[in-house]
N, C-alpha and C. Protein backbone atom coordinates (compact mmCIF):
# COMPACT_ATOMS: atom_id res chain seq x y z
N MET A 1 155.26 59.70 -20.57
CA MET A 1 156.06 60.11 -19.92
C MET A 1 157.47 60.43 -20.09
N ASP A 2 157.44 61.76 -18.92
CA ASP A 2 158.48 62.69 -19.06
C ASP A 2 159.74 62.42 -19.07
N LEU A 3 160.67 62.82 -19.84
CA LEU A 3 162.17 62.05 -19.91
C LEU A 3 163.01 63.09 -18.92
N GLY A 4 162.51 64.27 -18.63
CA GLY A 4 163.01 65.35 -17.89
C GLY A 4 162.46 65.03 -16.04
N LYS A 5 161.83 64.04 -16.47
CA LYS A 5 161.51 63.55 -14.61
C LYS A 5 162.36 62.30 -14.59
N LEU A 6 162.50 61.09 -15.53
CA LEU A 6 163.17 60.18 -15.79
C LEU A 6 164.56 60.46 -15.42
N PHE A 7 165.05 60.86 -16.14
CA PHE A 7 166.60 61.05 -15.76
C PHE A 7 166.70 61.78 -14.54
N PRO A 8 166.72 62.67 -13.92
CA PRO A 8 167.30 62.47 -12.25
C PRO A 8 167.23 61.44 -10.79
N GLY A 9 165.92 60.82 -11.90
CA GLY A 9 165.94 59.27 -10.81
C GLY A 9 166.76 58.53 -11.06
N LEU A 10 167.05 58.04 -12.44
CA LEU A 10 168.04 56.97 -12.49
C LEU A 10 169.49 57.55 -12.26
N ALA A 11 169.73 59.11 -12.80
CA ALA A 11 170.65 59.65 -12.22
C ALA A 11 171.10 59.09 -10.86
N LEU A 12 169.96 59.79 -9.86
CA LEU A 12 170.48 59.78 -8.39
C LEU A 12 170.66 57.70 -8.33
N LEU A 13 169.69 57.05 -8.80
CA LEU A 13 169.69 55.50 -8.58
C LEU A 13 171.47 54.64 -9.01
N PHE A 14 171.90 55.48 -10.33
CA PHE A 14 173.08 54.79 -10.96
C PHE A 14 174.21 55.32 -9.55
N ILE A 15 173.90 56.70 -9.21
CA ILE A 15 175.46 57.64 -8.23
C ILE A 15 175.08 56.52 -7.02
N GLY A 16 174.14 56.24 -6.73
CA GLY A 16 173.94 55.61 -5.41
C GLY A 16 174.44 54.08 -5.41
N ILE A 17 174.11 53.32 -6.39
CA ILE A 17 175.25 51.87 -6.66
C ILE A 17 176.55 51.95 -6.93
N ALA A 18 176.61 53.19 -7.46
CA ALA A 18 178.26 53.01 -7.63
C ALA A 18 178.98 54.09 -5.87
N LEU A 19 178.15 54.72 -5.34
CA LEU A 19 178.24 54.97 -4.01
C LEU A 19 178.90 53.32 -3.28
N ILE A 20 177.82 52.85 -3.21
CA ILE A 20 178.05 51.41 -2.71
C ILE A 20 178.95 50.63 -2.78
N SER A 21 178.82 50.74 -4.36
CA SER A 21 180.16 49.40 -4.85
C SER A 21 181.41 50.19 -4.32
N LEU A 22 181.91 51.07 -4.20
CA LEU A 22 182.92 51.67 -3.59
C LEU A 22 183.67 51.98 -2.31
N SER A 23 182.43 51.61 -1.35
CA SER A 23 182.57 52.16 -0.23
C SER A 23 182.83 50.63 0.61
N SER A 24 184.09 50.69 1.96
CA SER A 24 184.23 49.49 2.32
C SER A 24 182.99 48.75 2.83
N PHE A 25 183.47 47.54 3.47
CA PHE A 25 181.67 46.64 3.87
C PHE A 25 182.32 46.33 5.36
N GLN A 26 183.06 47.23 5.96
CA GLN A 26 183.70 46.87 7.53
C GLN A 26 182.96 47.02 8.51
N SER A 27 182.08 48.18 8.49
CA SER A 27 181.13 48.43 9.44
C SER A 27 179.61 48.71 8.18
N ILE A 28 178.94 48.33 8.35
CA ILE A 28 177.51 48.07 7.20
C ILE A 28 176.30 48.68 8.11
N SER A 29 175.75 49.78 7.74
CA SER A 29 174.64 50.11 8.21
C SER A 29 173.23 50.46 7.22
N TYR A 30 172.27 49.95 7.32
CA TYR A 30 171.40 50.17 6.38
C TYR A 30 170.23 51.05 7.22
N GLY A 31 169.42 51.54 5.74
CA GLY A 31 167.77 51.97 5.84
C GLY A 31 167.66 52.31 5.20
N ALA A 32 166.14 53.00 5.37
CA ALA A 32 164.62 52.82 4.26
C ALA A 32 163.88 54.43 4.48
N VAL A 33 163.81 54.54 3.43
CA VAL A 33 162.86 55.57 3.48
C VAL A 33 161.62 55.41 2.54
N VAL A 34 160.61 55.29 3.74
CA VAL A 34 159.30 55.42 2.77
C VAL A 34 158.18 56.27 2.84
N LEU A 35 158.21 57.18 1.81
CA LEU A 35 157.40 58.25 1.61
C LEU A 35 156.25 57.72 1.66
N ILE A 36 155.00 58.40 2.10
CA ILE A 36 153.66 58.21 2.13
C ILE A 36 153.10 59.08 2.35
N GLY A 37 152.40 60.08 0.91
CA GLY A 37 152.16 61.79 1.04
C GLY A 37 153.55 62.57 1.30
N PRO A 38 152.97 63.24 2.37
CA PRO A 38 153.83 64.19 2.60
C PRO A 38 154.67 63.33 3.79
N PHE A 39 154.71 62.35 4.72
CA PHE A 39 155.40 61.98 5.82
C PHE A 39 156.18 61.10 5.42
N PRO A 40 157.81 61.13 5.68
CA PRO A 40 158.68 60.53 5.24
C PRO A 40 158.15 59.34 6.81
N PHE A 41 158.93 57.97 6.56
CA PHE A 41 158.75 57.00 7.63
C PHE A 41 160.33 56.72 7.18
N VAL A 42 161.32 56.77 8.24
CA VAL A 42 162.64 56.18 8.44
C VAL A 42 162.86 55.15 9.41
N VAL A 43 163.82 54.12 8.74
CA VAL A 43 164.06 52.40 9.58
C VAL A 43 165.75 52.78 9.24
N SER A 44 166.89 52.73 10.30
CA SER A 44 167.47 52.50 10.01
C SER A 44 168.45 51.67 11.24
N SER A 45 169.78 51.44 11.05
CA SER A 45 170.18 50.97 12.16
C SER A 45 171.16 51.64 13.07
N ASP A 46 171.48 52.55 12.85
CA ASP A 46 172.06 53.37 12.89
C ASP A 46 171.79 55.24 12.99
N VAL A 47 171.76 56.01 14.17
CA VAL A 47 170.94 57.25 13.88
C VAL A 47 171.57 58.31 13.49
N GLY A 48 172.99 58.18 13.22
CA GLY A 48 173.60 59.09 12.60
C GLY A 48 172.57 58.81 11.13
N LEU A 49 172.53 57.77 10.36
CA LEU A 49 172.28 57.34 9.19
C LEU A 49 170.41 57.91 9.19
N ALA A 50 169.50 57.38 9.87
CA ALA A 50 168.81 57.62 10.47
C ALA A 50 168.38 59.43 9.84
N ILE A 51 169.50 60.20 10.62
CA ILE A 51 168.95 61.48 10.33
C ILE A 51 169.31 62.21 8.78
N PHE A 52 170.11 61.85 8.89
CA PHE A 52 170.71 62.03 7.52
C PHE A 52 169.45 61.26 6.44
N LEU A 53 169.29 60.23 6.23
CA LEU A 53 167.90 60.08 5.43
C LEU A 53 166.51 60.61 6.06
N LEU A 54 166.69 61.39 7.05
CA LEU A 54 165.43 62.18 7.34
C LEU A 54 165.38 63.62 6.51
N LEU A 55 166.76 63.79 6.91
CA LEU A 55 166.95 65.06 5.98
C LEU A 55 167.15 64.92 4.26
N LEU A 56 167.36 63.52 3.84
CA LEU A 56 167.36 63.73 2.56
C LEU A 56 165.66 63.55 1.87
N SER A 57 165.27 62.91 2.89
CA SER A 57 163.68 62.76 2.92
C SER A 57 162.98 64.32 2.55
N VAL A 58 163.48 65.15 3.66
CA VAL A 58 162.87 66.58 3.14
C VAL A 58 163.31 67.30 2.60
N LEU A 59 164.65 67.10 2.05
CA LEU A 59 164.75 67.38 0.48
C LEU A 59 164.60 67.24 -0.72
N ILE A 60 163.81 65.70 -0.90
CA ILE A 60 163.28 64.94 -2.13
C ILE A 60 162.09 65.41 -1.88
N LEU A 61 160.89 65.71 -0.62
CA LEU A 61 159.49 66.53 -0.78
C LEU A 61 159.64 68.16 -1.42
N ILE A 62 160.65 68.58 -0.99
CA ILE A 62 160.61 69.94 -1.25
C ILE A 62 161.07 70.02 -3.25
N LEU A 63 162.19 69.13 -3.37
CA LEU A 63 162.18 68.82 -4.56
C LEU A 63 160.86 68.58 -5.31
N ILE A 64 160.06 68.16 -4.94
CA ILE A 64 158.53 67.23 -5.53
C ILE A 64 157.94 68.40 -5.60
N GLN A 65 157.91 69.52 -4.03
CA GLN A 65 157.04 70.36 -4.59
C GLN A 65 157.09 71.74 -5.83
N ILE A 66 158.62 71.71 -5.74
CA ILE A 66 159.22 72.87 -6.79
C ILE A 66 159.26 72.18 -8.30
N MET A 67 159.11 70.91 -8.12
CA MET A 67 158.92 70.55 -9.93
C MET A 67 156.86 70.99 -9.95
N ARG A 68 156.09 70.62 -9.04
CA ARG A 68 154.69 70.18 -9.21
C ARG A 68 154.56 71.78 -9.47
N TRP A 69 155.13 72.91 -8.88
CA TRP A 69 155.26 74.72 -8.85
C TRP A 69 155.36 74.34 -10.25
N GLY A 70 156.04 73.80 -10.95
CA GLY A 70 156.51 74.46 -12.22
C GLY A 70 156.05 74.35 -13.50
N ARG A 71 155.23 73.33 -12.85
CA ARG A 71 154.18 73.17 -14.21
C ARG A 71 153.67 73.86 -15.15
């Protein structure tokens, strides 16, 4: 297991948990992204969140490609 690839994933997980815990729960919207190969599937309760998740998934796919080229 490569610790250089494990650390960014865990850091993003903890940042996400911290942001959720600091946010106000007055208007809750939810969403999920499932990456199957290069195809992101986005499910969301809000259009703005769906667009954000789609852009985030494209960024993640780009980062994966950059890491693969760096081998």
